[in-house]
PDB file of N, CA and C in Angstrom:
ATOM      1  N   MET A   1      14.576  13.482  33.914  1.00  0.00           N
ATOM      2  CA  MET A   1      15.261  13.123  32.691  1.00  0.00           C
ATOM      3  C   MET A   1      15.186  11.621  32.444  1.00  0.00           C
ATOM      4  N   THR A   2      15.293  10.830  33.477  1.00  0.00           N
ATOM      5  CA  THR A   2      15.218   9.382  33.328  1.00  0.00           C
ATOM      6  C   THR A   2      13.850   8.968  32.791  1.00  0.00           C
ATOM      7  N   ALA A   3      12.787   9.622  33.273  1.00  0.00           N
ATOM      8  CA  ALA A   3      11.447   9.286  32.805  1.00  0.00           C
ATOM      9  C   ALA A   3      11.322   9.582  31.317  1.00  0.00           C
ATOM     10  N   THR A   4      11.892  10.677  30.850  1.00  0.00           N
ATOM     11  CA  THR A   4      11.820  11.043  29.441  1.00  0.00           C
ATOM     12  C   THR A   4      12.557  10.025  28.586  1.00  0.00           C
ATOM     13  N   VAL A   5      13.737   9.615  29.022  1.00  0.00           N
ATOM     14  CA  VAL A   5      14.499   8.617  28.280  1.00  0.00           C
ATOM     15  C   VAL A   5      13.731   7.300  28.255  1.00  0.00           C
ATOM     16  N   HIS A   6      13.154   6.925  29.392  1.00  0.00           N
ATOM     17  CA  HIS A   6      12.388   5.685  29.484  1.00  0.00           C
ATOM     18  C   HIS A   6      11.171   5.738  28.563  1.00  0.00           C
ATOM     19  N   GLU A   7      10.442   6.867  28.577  1.00  0.00           N
ATOM     20  CA  GLU A   7       9.268   7.023  27.727  1.00  0.00           C
ATOM     21  C   GLU A   7       9.681   6.987  26.259  1.00  0.00           C
ATOM     22  N   SER A   8      10.799   7.612  25.936  1.00  0.00           N
ATOM     23  CA  SER A   8      11.281   7.631  24.566  1.00  0.00           C
ATOM     24  C   SER A   8      11.616   6.219  24.100  1.00  0.00           C
ATOM     25  N   THR A   9      12.255   5.440  24.955  1.00  0.00           N
ATOM     26  CA  THR A   9      12.604   4.058  24.625  1.00  0.00           C
ATOM     27  C   THR A   9      11.340   3.230  24.417  1.00  0.00           C
ATOM     28  N   GLU A  10      10.334   3.429  25.284  1.00  0.00           N
ATOM     29  CA  GLU A  10       9.067   2.717  25.126  1.00  0.00           C
ATOM     30  C   GLU A  10       8.374   3.114  23.831  1.00  0.00           C
ATOM     31  N   ALA A  11       8.417   4.393  23.490  1.00  0.00           N
ATOM     32  CA  ALA A  11       7.804   4.866  22.254  1.00  0.00           C
ATOM     33  C   ALA A  11       8.499   4.244  21.048  1.00  0.00           C
ATOM     34  N   GLN A  12       9.827   4.177  21.083  1.00  0.00           N
ATOM     35  CA  GLN A  12      10.579   3.577  19.982  1.00  0.00           C
ATOM     36  C   GLN A  12      10.242   2.099  19.847  1.00  0.00           C
ATOM     37  N   ALA A  13      10.100   1.424  20.979  1.00  0.00           N
ATOM     38  CA  ALA A  13       9.737   0.008  20.943  1.00  0.00           C
ATOM     39  C   ALA A  13       8.339  -0.165  20.352  1.00  0.00           C
ATOM     40  N   GLY A  14       7.423   0.734  20.699  1.00  0.00           N
ATOM     41  CA  GLY A  14       6.064   0.681  20.157  1.00  0.00           C
ATOM     42  C   GLY A  14       6.051   0.893  18.653  1.00  0.00           C
ATOM     43  N   VAL A  15       6.860   1.822  18.174  1.00  0.00           N
ATOM     44  CA  VAL A  15       6.957   2.081  16.739  1.00  0.00           C
ATOM     45  C   VAL A  15       7.535   0.857  16.031  1.00  0.00           C
ATOM     46  N   ALA A  16       8.547   0.243  16.623  1.00  0.00           N
ATOM     47  CA  ALA A  16       9.158  -0.945  16.023  1.00  0.00           C
ATOM     48  C   ALA A  16       8.136  -2.077  15.909  1.00  0.00           C
ATOM     49  N   VAL A  17       7.332  -2.269  16.961  1.00  0.00           N
ATOM     50  CA  VAL A  17       6.298  -3.307  16.931  1.00  0.00           C
ATOM     51  C   VAL A  17       5.272  -2.971  15.858  1.00  0.00           C
ATOM     52  N   SER A  18       4.857  -1.705  15.783  1.00  0.00           N
ATOM     53  CA  SER A  18       3.884  -1.287  14.768  1.00  0.00           C
ATOM     54  C   SER A  18       4.434  -1.506  13.363  1.00  0.00           C
ATOM     55  N   LEU A  19       5.699  -1.165  13.141  1.00  0.00           N
ATOM     56  CA  LEU A  19       6.301  -1.376  11.831  1.00  0.00           C
ATOM     57  C   LEU A  19       6.360  -2.856  11.468  1.00  0.00           C
ATOM     58  N   GLN A  20       6.663  -3.702  12.438  1.00  0.00           N
ATOM     59  CA  GLN A  20       6.706  -5.134  12.162  1.00  0.00           C
ATOM     60  C   GLN A  20       5.311  -5.653  11.815  1.00  0.00           C
ATOM     61  N   LEU A  21       4.298  -5.177  12.534  1.00  0.00           N
ATOM     62  CA  LEU A  21       2.929  -5.587  12.216  1.00  0.00           C
ATOM     63  C   LEU A  21       2.526  -5.114  10.825  1.00  0.00           C
ATOM     64  N   LEU A  22       2.906  -3.880  10.484  1.00  0.00           N
ATOM     65  CA  LEU A  22       2.607  -3.356   9.153  1.00  0.00           C
ATOM     66  C   LEU A  22       3.344  -4.149   8.076  1.00  0.00           C
ATOM     67  N   ARG A  23       4.585  -4.528   8.354  1.00  0.00           N
ATOM     68  CA  ARG A  23       5.334  -5.358   7.396  1.00  0.00           C
ATOM     69  C   ARG A  23       4.629  -6.701   7.198  1.00  0.00           C
ATOM     70  N   ASP A  24       4.181  -7.303   8.292  1.00  0.00           N
ATOM     71  CA  ASP A  24       3.470  -8.580   8.197  1.00  0.00           C
ATOM     72  C   ASP A  24       2.194  -8.433   7.363  1.00  0.00           C
ATOM     73  N   ILE A  25       1.459  -7.340   7.582  1.00  0.00           N
ATOM     74  CA  ILE A  25       0.231  -7.092   6.822  1.00  0.00           C
ATOM     75  C   ILE A  25       0.555  -6.910   5.348  1.00  0.00           C
ATOM     76  N   LEU A  26       1.590  -6.113   5.061  1.00  0.00           N
ATOM     77  CA  LEU A  26       1.971  -5.887   3.668  1.00  0.00           C
ATOM     78  C   LEU A  26       2.408  -7.176   2.982  1.00  0.00           C
ATOM     79  N   GLU A  27       3.161  -8.012   3.674  1.00  0.00           N
ATOM     80  CA  GLU A  27       3.601  -9.275   3.082  1.00  0.00           C
ATOM     81  C   GLU A  27       2.407 -10.190   2.810  1.00  0.00           C
ATOM     82  N   GLU A  28       1.438 -10.190   3.723  1.00  0.00           N
ATOM     83  CA  GLU A  28       0.236 -10.996   3.512  1.00  0.00           C
ATOM     84  C   GLU A  28      -0.573 -10.444   2.335  1.00  0.00           C
ATOM     85  N   GLN A  29      -0.721  -9.111   2.272  1.00  0.00           N
ATOM     86  CA  GLN A  29      -1.435  -8.499   1.150  1.00  0.00           C
ATOM     87  C   GLN A  29      -0.744  -8.813  -0.172  1.00  0.00           C
ATOM     88  N   PHE A  30       0.575  -8.758  -0.176  1.00  0.00           N
ATOM     89  CA  PHE A  30       1.319  -9.057  -1.396  1.00  0.00           C
ATOM     90  C   PHE A  30       1.001 -10.473  -1.876  1.00  0.00           C
ATOM     91  N   ALA A  31       0.995 -11.425  -0.958  1.00  0.00           N
ATOM     92  CA  ALA A  31       0.694 -12.816  -1.320  1.00  0.00           C
ATOM     93  C   ALA A  31      -0.736 -12.954  -1.835  1.00  0.00           C
ATOM     94  N   VAL A  32      -1.686 -12.310  -1.171  1.00  0.00           N
ATOM     95  CA  VAL A  32      -3.092 -12.394  -1.592  1.00  0.00           C
ATOM     96  C   VAL A  32      -3.269 -11.772  -2.975  1.00  0.00           C
ATOM     97  N   HIS A  33      -2.713 -10.577  -3.184  1.00  0.00           N
ATOM     98  CA  HIS A  33      -2.856  -9.895  -4.478  1.00  0.00           C
ATOM     99  C   HIS A  33      -2.154 -10.677  -5.598  1.00  0.00           C
ATOM    100  N   THR A  34      -1.001 -11.247  -5.290  1.00  0.00           N
ATOM    101  CA  THR A  34      -0.276 -12.032  -6.292  1.00  0.00           C
ATOM    102  C   THR A  34      -1.075 -13.272  -6.682  1.00  0.00           C
ATOM    103  N   ASN A  35      -1.641 -13.955  -5.694  1.00  0.00           N
ATOM    104  CA  ASN A  35      -2.464 -15.134  -5.981  1.00  0.00           C
ATOM    105  C   ASN A  35      -3.690 -14.763  -6.814  1.00  0.00           C
ATOM    106  N   ARG A  36      -4.323 -13.639  -6.466  1.00  0.00           N
ATOM    107  CA  ARG A  36      -5.500 -13.182  -7.209  1.00  0.00           C
ATOM    108  C   ARG A  36      -5.120 -12.843  -8.658  1.00  0.00           C
ATOM    109  N   LEU A  37      -4.005 -12.171  -8.825  1.00  0.00           N
ATOM    110  CA  LEU A  37      -3.550 -11.821 -10.167  1.00  0.00           C
ATOM    111  C   LEU A  37      -3.280 -13.079 -10.991  1.00  0.00           C
ATOM    112  N   THR A  38      -2.655 -14.058 -10.384  1.00  0.00           N
ATOM    113  CA  THR A  38      -2.390 -15.323 -11.068  1.00  0.00           C
ATOM    114  C   THR A  38      -3.692 -15.977 -11.518  1.00  0.00           C
ATOM    115  N   GLU A  39      -4.686 -16.003 -10.634  1.00  0.00           N
ATOM    116  CA  GLU A  39      -5.988 -16.586 -10.978  1.00  0.00           C
ATOM    117  C   GLU A  39      -6.629 -15.854 -12.149  1.00  0.00           C
ATOM    118  N   LEU A  40      -6.571 -14.521 -12.117  1.00  0.00           N
ATOM    119  CA  LEU A  40      -7.182 -13.728 -13.179  1.00  0.00           C
ATOM    120  C   LEU A  40      -6.479 -13.935 -14.517  1.00  0.00           C
ATOM    121  N   VAL A  41      -5.158 -13.990 -14.500  1.00  0.00           N
ATOM    122  CA  VAL A  41      -4.404 -14.224 -15.735  1.00  0.00           C
ATOM    123  C   VAL A  41      -4.737 -15.604 -16.294  1.00  0.00           C
ATOM    124  N   LEU A  42      -4.835 -16.598 -15.419  1.00  0.00           N
ATOM    125  CA  LEU A  42      -5.202 -17.950 -15.875  1.00  0.00           C
ATOM    126  C   LEU A  42      -6.611 -17.980 -16.463  1.00  0.00           C
ATOM    127  N   CYS A  43      -7.547 -17.263 -15.831  1.00  0.00           N
ATOM    128  CA  CYS A  43      -8.916 -17.199 -16.366  1.00  0.00           C
ATOM    129  C   CYS A  43      -8.912 -16.559 -17.748  1.00  0.00           C
ATOM    130  N   GLY A  44      -8.076 -15.546 -17.932  1.00  0.00           N
ATOM    131  CA  GLY A  44      -7.994 -14.878 -19.224  1.00  0.00           C
ATOM    132  C   GLY A  44      -7.471 -15.789 -20.317  1.00  0.00           C
ATOM    133  N   ALA A  45      -6.704 -16.786 -19.951  1.00  0.00           N
ATOM    134  CA  ALA A  45      -6.141 -17.718 -20.932  1.00  0.00           C
ATOM    135  C   ALA A  45      -7.097 -18.865 -21.261  1.00  0.00           C
ATOM    136  N   LEU A  46      -8.135 -19.034 -20.468  1.00  0.00           N
ATOM    137  CA  LEU A  46      -9.097 -20.117 -20.702  1.00  0.00           C
ATOM    138  C   LEU A  46     -10.066 -19.747 -21.818  1.00  0.00           C
ATOM    139  N   PRO A  47     -10.607 -20.775 -22.479  1.00  0.00           N
ATOM    140  CA  PRO A  47     -11.653 -20.488 -23.463  1.00  0.00           C
ATOM    141  C   PRO A  47     -12.824 -19.789 -22.764  1.00  0.00           C
ATOM    142  N   HIS A  48     -13.360 -18.801 -23.419  1.00  0.00           N
ATOM    143  CA  HIS A  48     -14.482 -18.026 -22.868  1.00  0.00           C
ATOM    144  C   HIS A  48     -14.108 -17.343 -21.555  1.00  0.00           C
ATOM    145  N   HIS A  49     -12.829 -17.165 -21.337  1.00  0.00           N
ATOM    146  CA  HIS A  49     -12.296 -16.441 -20.167  1.00  0.00           C
ATOM    147  C   HIS A  49     -12.799 -17.003 -18.838  1.00  0.00           C
ATOM    148  N   GLY A  50     -12.997 -18.295 -18.796  1.00  0.00           N
ATOM    149  CA  GLY A  50     -13.430 -18.931 -17.555  1.00  0.00           C
ATOM    150  C   GLY A  50     -14.779 -18.445 -17.077  1.00  0.00           C
ATOM    151  N   GLY A  51     -15.608 -17.966 -18.004  1.00  0.00           N
ATOM    152  CA  GLY A  51     -16.942 -17.498 -17.641  1.00  0.00           C
ATOM    153  C   GLY A  51     -16.998 -16.024 -17.275  1.00  0.00           C
ATOM    154  N   HIS A  52     -15.877 -15.343 -17.350  1.00  0.00           N
ATOM    155  CA  HIS A  52     -15.842 -13.911 -17.019  1.00  0.00           C
ATOM    156  C   HIS A  52     -16.012 -13.062 -18.271  1.00  0.00           C
ATOM    157  N   ASP A  53     -16.648 -11.930 -18.104  1.00  0.00           N
ATOM    158  CA  ASP A  53     -16.731 -10.943 -19.166  1.00  0.00           C
ATOM    159  C   ASP A  53     -15.317 -10.420 -19.412  1.00  0.00           C
ATOM    160  N   PRO A  54     -14.859 -10.372 -20.664  1.00  0.00           N
ATOM    161  CA  PRO A  54     -13.481  -9.944 -20.943  1.00  0.00           C
ATOM    162  C   PRO A  54     -13.137  -8.553 -20.406  1.00  0.00           C
ATOM    163  N   ARG A  55     -14.069  -7.607 -20.506  1.00  0.00           N
ATOM    164  CA  ARG A  55     -13.786  -6.255 -19.995  1.00  0.00           C
ATOM    165  C   ARG A  55     -13.672  -6.248 -18.473  1.00  0.00           C
ATOM    166  N   THR A  56     -14.567  -6.976 -17.827  1.00  0.00           N
ATOM    167  CA  THR A  56     -14.508  -7.070 -16.372  1.00  0.00           C
ATOM    168  C   THR A  56     -13.208  -7.737 -15.941  1.00  0.00           C
ATOM    169  N   LEU A  57     -12.837  -8.791 -16.633  1.00  0.00           N
ATOM    170  CA  LEU A  57     -11.597  -9.500 -16.341  1.00  0.00           C
ATOM    171  C   LEU A  57     -10.393  -8.570 -16.512  1.00  0.00           C
ATOM    172  N   ALA A  58     -10.404  -7.754 -17.549  1.00  0.00           N
ATOM    173  CA  ALA A  58      -9.302  -6.815 -17.788  1.00  0.00           C
ATOM    174  C   ALA A  58      -9.211  -5.776 -16.666  1.00  0.00           C
ATOM    175  N   VAL A  59     -10.358  -5.272 -16.219  1.00  0.00           N
ATOM    176  CA  VAL A  59     -10.369  -4.277 -15.133  1.00  0.00           C
ATOM    177  C   VAL A  59      -9.869  -4.918 -13.830  1.00  0.00           C
ATOM    178  N   LEU A  60     -10.352  -6.112 -13.532  1.00  0.00           N
ATOM    179  CA  LEU A  60      -9.921  -6.807 -12.308  1.00  0.00           C
ATOM    180  C   LEU A  60      -8.427  -7.130 -12.359  1.00  0.00           C
ATOM    181  N   THR A  61      -7.944  -7.530 -13.524  1.00  0.00           N
ATOM    182  CA  THR A  61      -6.523  -7.846 -13.681  1.00  0.00           C
ATOM    183  C   THR A  61      -5.670  -6.605 -13.454  1.00  0.00           C
ATOM    184  N   GLU A  62      -6.067  -5.490 -14.038  1.00  0.00           N
ATOM    185  CA  GLU A  62      -5.308  -4.246 -13.861  1.00  0.00           C
ATOM    186  C   GLU A  62      -5.327  -3.789 -12.403  1.00  0.00           C
ATOM    187  N   ALA A  63      -6.468  -3.919 -11.741  1.00  0.00           N
ATOM    188  CA  ALA A  63      -6.560  -3.546 -10.324  1.00  0.00           C
ATOM    189  C   ALA A  63      -5.648  -4.430  -9.475  1.00  0.00           C
ATOM    190  N   SER A  64      -5.585  -5.712  -9.796  1.00  0.00           N
ATOM    191  CA  SER A  64      -4.703  -6.623  -9.061  1.00  0.00           C
ATOM    192  C   SER A  64      -3.236  -6.300  -9.316  1.00  0.00           C
ATOM    193  N   ARG A  65      -2.910  -5.978 -10.563  1.00  0.00           N
ATOM    194  CA  ARG A  65      -1.524  -5.582 -10.877  1.00  0.00           C
ATOM    195  C   ARG A  65      -1.124  -4.340 -10.085  1.00  0.00           C
ATOM    196  N   GLN A  66      -2.034  -3.367 -10.025  1.00  0.00           N
ATOM    197  CA  GLN A  66      -1.741  -2.134  -9.292  1.00  0.00           C
ATOM    198  C   GLN A  66      -1.577  -2.417  -7.803  1.00  0.00           C
ATOM    199  N   ALA A  67      -2.418  -3.293  -7.255  1.00  0.00           N
ATOM    200  CA  ALA A  67      -2.326  -3.639  -5.838  1.00  0.00           C
ATOM    201  C   ALA A  67      -0.994  -4.337  -5.529  1.00  0.00           C
ATOM    202  N   VAL A  68      -0.560  -5.228  -6.418  1.00  0.00           N
ATOM    203  CA  VAL A  68       0.737  -5.897  -6.242  1.00  0.00           C
ATOM    204  C   VAL A  68       1.853  -4.855  -6.284  1.00  0.00           C
ATOM    205  N   ALA A  69       1.793  -3.942  -7.255  1.00  0.00           N
ATOM    206  CA  ALA A  69       2.838  -2.916  -7.399  1.00  0.00           C
ATOM    207  C   ALA A  69       2.870  -1.985  -6.184  1.00  0.00           C
ATOM    208  N   ASP A  70       1.692  -1.545  -5.722  1.00  0.00           N
ATOM    209  CA  ASP A  70       1.642  -0.644  -4.562  1.00  0.00           C
ATOM    210  C   ASP A  70       2.194  -1.315  -3.308  1.00  0.00           C
ATOM    211  N   THR A  71       1.846  -2.572  -3.122  1.00  0.00           N
ATOM    212  CA  THR A  71       2.306  -3.308  -1.951  1.00  0.00           C
ATOM    213  C   THR A  71       3.809  -3.558  -2.026  1.00  0.00           C
ATOM    214  N   ALA A  72       4.291  -3.926  -3.199  1.00  0.00           N
ATOM    215  CA  ALA A  72       5.738  -4.135  -3.377  1.00  0.00           C
ATOM    216  C   ALA A  72       6.502  -2.839  -3.142  1.00  0.00           C
ATOM    217  N   HIS A  73       5.950  -1.731  -3.602  1.00  0.00           N
ATOM    218  CA  HIS A  73       6.602  -0.430  -3.403  1.00  0.00           C
ATOM    219  C   HIS A  73       6.675  -0.087  -1.918  1.00  0.00           C
ATOM    220  N   ALA A  74       5.610  -0.365  -1.178  1.00  0.00           N
ATOM    221  CA  ALA A  74       5.614  -0.107   0.268  1.00  0.00           C
ATOM    222  C   ALA A  74       6.673  -0.969   0.965  1.00  0.00           C
ATOM    223  N   LEU A  75       6.768  -2.231   0.595  1.00  0.00           N
ATOM    224  CA  LEU A  75       7.791  -3.107   1.183  1.00  0.00           C
ATOM    225  C   LEU A  75       9.196  -2.626   0.821  1.00  0.00           C
ATOM    226  N   GLN A  76       9.359  -2.129  -0.388  1.00  0.00           N
ATOM    227  CA  GLN A  76      10.658  -1.583  -0.801  1.00  0.00           C
ATOM    228  C   GLN A  76      11.004  -0.348   0.034  1.00  0.00           C
ATOM    229  N   ARG A  77      10.017   0.529   0.257  1.00  0.00           N
ATOM    230  CA  ARG A  77      10.261   1.711   1.093  1.00  0.00           C
ATOM    231  C   ARG A  77      10.635   1.300   2.516  1.00  0.00           C
ATOM    232  N   MET A  78      10.029   0.224   3.006  1.00  0.00           N
ATOM    233  CA  MET A  78      10.391  -0.266   4.346  1.00  0.00           C
ATOM    234  C   MET A  78      11.858  -0.673   4.384  1.00  0.00           C
ATOM    235  N   SER A  79      12.277  -1.411   3.383  1.00  0.00           N
ATOM    236  CA  SER A  79      13.669  -1.889   3.378  1.00  0.00           C
ATOM    237  C   SER A  79      14.649  -0.741   3.182  1.00  0.00           C
ATOM    238  N   GLN A  80      14.217   0.345   2.553  1.00  0.00           N
ATOM    239  CA  GLN A  80      15.076   1.508   2.348  1.00  0.00           C
ATOM    240  C   GLN A  80      15.027   2.490   3.517  1.00  0.00           C
ATOM    241  N   GLY A  81      14.112   2.263   4.450  1.00  0.00           N
ATOM    242  CA  GLY A  81      13.992   3.152   5.602  1.00  0.00           C
ATOM    243  C   GLY A  81      13.184   4.412   5.332  1.00  0.00           C
ATOM    244  N   THR A  82      12.439   4.451   4.232  1.00  0.00           N
ATOM    245  CA  THR A  82      11.637   5.632   3.910  1.00  0.00           C
ATOM    246  C   THR A  82      10.141   5.382   4.083  1.00  0.00           C
ATOM    247  N   TYR A  83       9.782   4.211   4.551  1.00  0.00           N
ATOM    248  CA  TYR A  83       8.367   3.889   4.757  1.00  0.00           C
ATOM    249  C   TYR A  83       7.791   4.810   5.833  1.00  0.00           C
ATOM    250  N   GLY A  84       6.594   5.284   5.586  1.00  0.00           N
ATOM    251  CA  GLY A  84       5.928   6.141   6.557  1.00  0.00           C
ATOM    252  C   GLY A  84       6.185   7.616   6.343  1.00  0.00           C
ATOM    253  N   LEU A  85       7.002   7.956   5.340  1.00  0.00           N
ATOM    254  CA  LEU A  85       7.230   9.355   4.994  1.00  0.00           C
ATOM    255  C   LEU A  85       6.437   9.669   3.735  1.00  0.00           C
ATOM    256  N   CYS A  86       5.693  10.762   3.766  1.00  0.00           N
ATOM    257  CA  CYS A  86       4.884  11.177   2.629  1.00  0.00           C
ATOM    258  C   CYS A  86       5.795  11.523   1.458  1.00  0.00           C
ATOM    259  N   GLN A  87       5.468  11.005   0.298  1.00  0.00           N
ATOM    260  CA  GLN A  87       6.265  11.293  -0.889  1.00  0.00           C
ATOM    261  C   GLN A  87       5.954  12.672  -1.459  1.00  0.00           C
ATOM    262  N   GLY A  88       4.936  13.327  -0.912  1.00  0.00           N
ATOM    263  CA  GLY A  88       4.610  14.672  -1.343  1.00  0.00           C
ATOM    264  C   GLY A  88       5.307  15.731  -0.501  1.00  0.00           C
ATOM    265  N   CYS A  89       5.026  15.725   0.801  1.00  0.00           N
ATOM    266  CA  CYS A  89       5.556  16.763   1.691  1.00  0.00           C
ATOM    267  C   CYS A  89       6.740  16.283   2.528  1.00  0.00           C
ATOM    268  N   HIS A  90       7.047  14.999   2.494  1.00  0.00           N
ATOM    269  CA  HIS A  90       8.180  14.384   3.199  1.00  0.00           C
ATOM    270  C   HIS A  90       8.032  14.407   4.720  1.00  0.00           C
ATOM    271  N   ARG A  91       6.806  14.603   5.200  1.00  0.00           N
ATOM    272  CA  ARG A  91       6.530  14.526   6.642  1.00  0.00           C
ATOM    273  C   ARG A  91       6.070  13.112   6.956  1.00  0.00           C
ATOM    274  N   ALA A  92       6.072  12.790   8.238  1.00  0.00           N
ATOM    275  CA  ALA A  92       5.626  11.462   8.670  1.00  0.00           C
ATOM    276  C   ALA A  92       4.131  11.295   8.403  1.00  0.00           C
ATOM    277  N   ILE A  93       3.765  10.151   7.849  1.00  0.00           N
ATOM    278  CA  ILE A  93       2.361   9.796   7.666  1.00  0.00           C
ATOM    279  C   ILE A  93       1.868   9.275   9.011  1.00  0.00           C
ATOM    280  N   PRO A  94       0.734   9.779   9.508  1.00  0.00           N
ATOM    281  CA  PRO A  94       0.235   9.309  10.810  1.00  0.00           C
ATOM    282  C   PRO A  94       0.061   7.785  10.848  1.00  0.00           C
ATOM    283  N   LEU A  95       0.389   7.205  11.981  1.00  0.00           N
ATOM    284  CA  LEU A  95       0.321   5.754  12.148  1.00  0.00           C
ATOM    285  C   LEU A  95      -1.089   5.233  11.864  1.00  0.00           C
ATOM    286  N   GLY A  96      -2.100   5.980  12.248  1.00  0.00           N
ATOM    287  CA  GLY A  96      -3.482   5.567  11.983  1.00  0.00           C
ATOM    288  C   GLY A  96      -3.750   5.406  10.494  1.00  0.00           C
ATOM    289  N   ARG A  97      -3.215   6.304   9.680  1.00  0.00           N
ATOM    290  CA  ARG A  97      -3.385   6.198   8.224  1.00  0.00           C
ATOM    291  C   ARG A  97      -2.647   4.976   7.689  1.00  0.00           C
ATOM    292  N   LEU A  98      -1.454   4.722   8.225  1.00  0.00           N
ATOM    293  CA  LEU A  98      -0.700   3.546   7.789  1.00  0.00           C
ATOM    294  C   LEU A  98      -1.410   2.258   8.185  1.00  0.00           C
ATOM    295  N   ARG A  99      -2.037   2.260   9.347  1.00  0.00           N
ATOM    296  CA  ARG A  99      -2.794   1.073   9.754  1.00  0.00           C
ATOM    297  C   ARG A  99      -3.996   0.867   8.844  1.00  0.00           C
ATOM    298  N   GLU A 100      -4.646   1.963   8.471  1.00  0.00           N
ATOM    299  CA  GLU A 100      -5.821   1.910   7.590  1.00  0.00           C
ATOM    300  C   GLU A 100      -5.441   1.477   6.178  1.00  0.00           C
ATOM    301  N   SER A 101      -4.319   1.994   5.697  1.00  0.00           N
ATOM    302  CA  SER A 101      -3.882   1.740   4.327  1.00  0.00           C
ATOM    303  C   SER A 101      -2.360   1.598   4.314  1.00  0.00           C
ATOM    304  N   PRO A 102      -1.856   0.412   4.681  1.00  0.00           N
ATOM    305  CA  PRO A 102      -0.403   0.239   4.861  1.00  0.00           C
ATOM    306  C   PRO A 102       0.439   0.501   3.617  1.00  0.00           C
ATOM    307  N   GLN A 103      -0.155   0.410   2.440  1.00  0.00           N
ATOM    308  CA  GLN A 103       0.606   0.612   1.219  1.00  0.00           C
ATOM    309  C   GLN A 103       0.654   2.077   0.793  1.00  0.00           C
ATOM    310  N   THR A 104       0.007   2.964   1.539  1.00  0.00           N
ATOM    311  CA  THR A 104      -0.076   4.364   1.118  1.00  0.00           C
ATOM    312  C   THR A 104       1.296   5.034   1.075  1.00  0.00           C
ATOM    313  N   SER A 105       1.435   5.970   0.141  1.00  0.00           N
ATOM    314  CA  SER A 105       2.685   6.717  -0.023  1.00  0.00           C
ATOM    315  C   SER A 105       2.523   8.182   0.345  1.00  0.00           C
ATOM    316  N   PHE A 106       1.282   8.594   0.635  1.00  0.00           N
ATOM    317  CA  PHE A 106       1.001  10.003   0.854  1.00  0.00           C
ATOM    318  C   PHE A 106       0.148  10.209   2.102  1.00  0.00           C
ATOM    319  N   CYS A 107       0.358  11.339   2.761  1.00  0.00           N
ATOM    320  CA  CYS A 107      -0.519  11.739   3.857  1.00  0.00           C
ATOM    321  C   CYS A 107      -1.858  12.168   3.248  1.00  0.00           C
ATOM    322  N   VAL A 108      -2.878  12.347   4.060  1.00  0.00           N
ATOM    323  CA  VAL A 108      -4.207  12.687   3.550  1.00  0.00           C
ATOM    324  C   VAL A 108      -4.199  14.005   2.763  1.00  0.00           C
ATOM    325  N   PRO A 109      -3.615  15.099   3.288  1.00  0.00           N
ATOM    326  CA  PRO A 109      -3.642  16.345   2.499  1.00  0.00           C
ATOM    327  C   PRO A 109      -2.964  16.205   1.130  1.00  0.00           C
ATOM    328  N   CYS A 110      -1.836  15.529   1.076  1.00  0.00           N
ATOM    329  CA  CYS A 110      -1.147  15.355  -0.210  1.00  0.00           C
ATOM    330  C   CYS A 110      -1.940  14.442  -1.138  1.00  0.00           C
ATOM    331  N   GLU A 111      -2.572  13.415  -0.593  1.00  0.00           N
ATOM    332  CA  GLU A 111      -3.395  12.516  -1.408  1.00  0.00           C
ATOM    333  C   GLU A 111      -4.593  13.277  -1.981  1.00  0.00           C
ATOM    334  N   GLN A 112      -5.207  14.116  -1.156  1.00  0.00           N
ATOM    335  CA  GLN A 112      -6.342  14.912  -1.640  1.00  0.00           C
ATOM    336  C   GLN A 112      -5.893  15.877  -2.736  1.00  0.00           C
ATOM    337  N   ALA A 113      -4.738  16.496  -2.571  1.00  0.00           N
ATOM    338  CA  ALA A 113      -4.215  17.413  -3.584  1.00  0.00           C
ATOM    339  C   ALA A 113      -3.936  16.660  -4.890  1.00  0.00           C
ATOM    340  N   ARG A 114      -3.363  15.468  -4.787  1.00  0.00           N
ATOM    341  CA  ARG A 114      -3.102  14.647  -5.980  1.00  0.00           C
ATOM    342  C   ARG A 114      -4.402  14.292  -6.687  1.00  0.00           C
ATOM    343  N   SER A 115      -5.413  13.897  -5.909  1.00  0.00           N
ATOM    344  CA  SER A 115      -6.711  13.527  -6.488  1.00  0.00           C
ATOM    345  C   SER A 115      -7.344  14.720  -7.191  1.00  0.00           C
ATOM    346  N   ALA A 116      -7.268  15.877  -6.554  1.00  0.00           N
ATOM    347  CA  ALA A 116      -7.836  17.083  -7.162  1.00  0.00           C
ATOM    348  C   ALA A 116      -7.123  17.420  -8.474  1.00  0.00           C
ATOM    349  N   ARG A 117      -5.798  17.308  -8.480  1.00  0.00           N
ATOM    350  CA  ARG A 117      -5.033  17.584  -9.705  1.00  0.00           C
ATOM    351  C   ARG A 117      -5.383  16.590 -10.807  1.00  0.00           C
ATOM    352  N   SER A 118      -5.483  15.319 -10.460  1.00  0.00           N
ATOM    353  CA  SER A 118      -5.771  14.311 -11.492  1.00  0.00           C
ATOM    354  C   SER A 118      -7.204  14.468 -11.991  1.00  0.00           C
ATOM    355  N   THR A 119      -8.125  14.888 -11.135  1.00  0.00           N
ATOM    356  CA  THR A 119      -9.507  15.121 -11.568  1.00  0.00           C
ATOM    357  C   THR A 119      -9.547  16.281 -12.549  1.00  0.00           C
ATOM    358  N   LEU A 120      -8.819  17.341 -12.243  1.00  0.00           N
ATOM    359  CA  LEU A 120      -8.790  18.511 -13.129  1.00  0.00           C
ATOM    360  C   LEU A 120      -8.128  18.197 -14.462  1.00  0.00           C
ATOM    361  N   SER A 121      -7.104  17.361 -14.424  1.00  0.00           N
ATOM    362  CA  SER A 121      -6.397  17.034 -15.663  1.00  0.00           C
ATOM    363  C   SER A 121      -7.032  15.883 -16.428  1.00  0.00           C
ATOM    364  N   GLY A 122      -7.996  15.207 -15.774  1.00  0.00           N
ATOM    365  CA  GLY A 122      -8.672  14.096 -16.430  1.00  0.00           C
ATOM    366  C   GLY A 122      -7.938  12.782 -16.340  1.00  0.00           C
ATOM    367  N   ARG A 123      -6.858  12.739 -15.514  1.00  0.00           N
ATOM    368  CA  ARG A 123      -6.098  11.499 -15.338  1.00  0.00           C
ATOM    369  C   ARG A 123      -6.404  10.900 -13.979  1.00  0.00           C
ATOM    370  N   PRO A 124      -6.399   9.550 -13.891  1.00  0.00           N
ATOM    371  CA  PRO A 124      -6.632   8.882 -12.600  1.00  0.00           C
ATOM    372  C   PRO A 124      -5.485   9.041 -11.650  1.00  0.00           C
TER     373      PRO A 124
END
């Protein structure tokens, strides 16, 4: 019984360290995406869009806005204690998936189901 309690405590400590690393990654991503968005908005305000094609600039700006929103949402879920739970099936998202994509809100099966539904409906 002592070994089980000890292993459980070590596992909890490992999860806490992983969550802190994921928080650090998310905070860094938030800063990078915010800086990129600021640069893109400033380019859009320049004459001739700072040398960028207006459509390309619009697509890049929207992608940066979405990245900022996704990252902020992940940080909000962390502060609420719901980070790492799939918003589709409410099961734990595997740590490997969170390491790969820390801002994700869905496990792989739920993400695939969402993608299939949006493809069928014609929405992204």
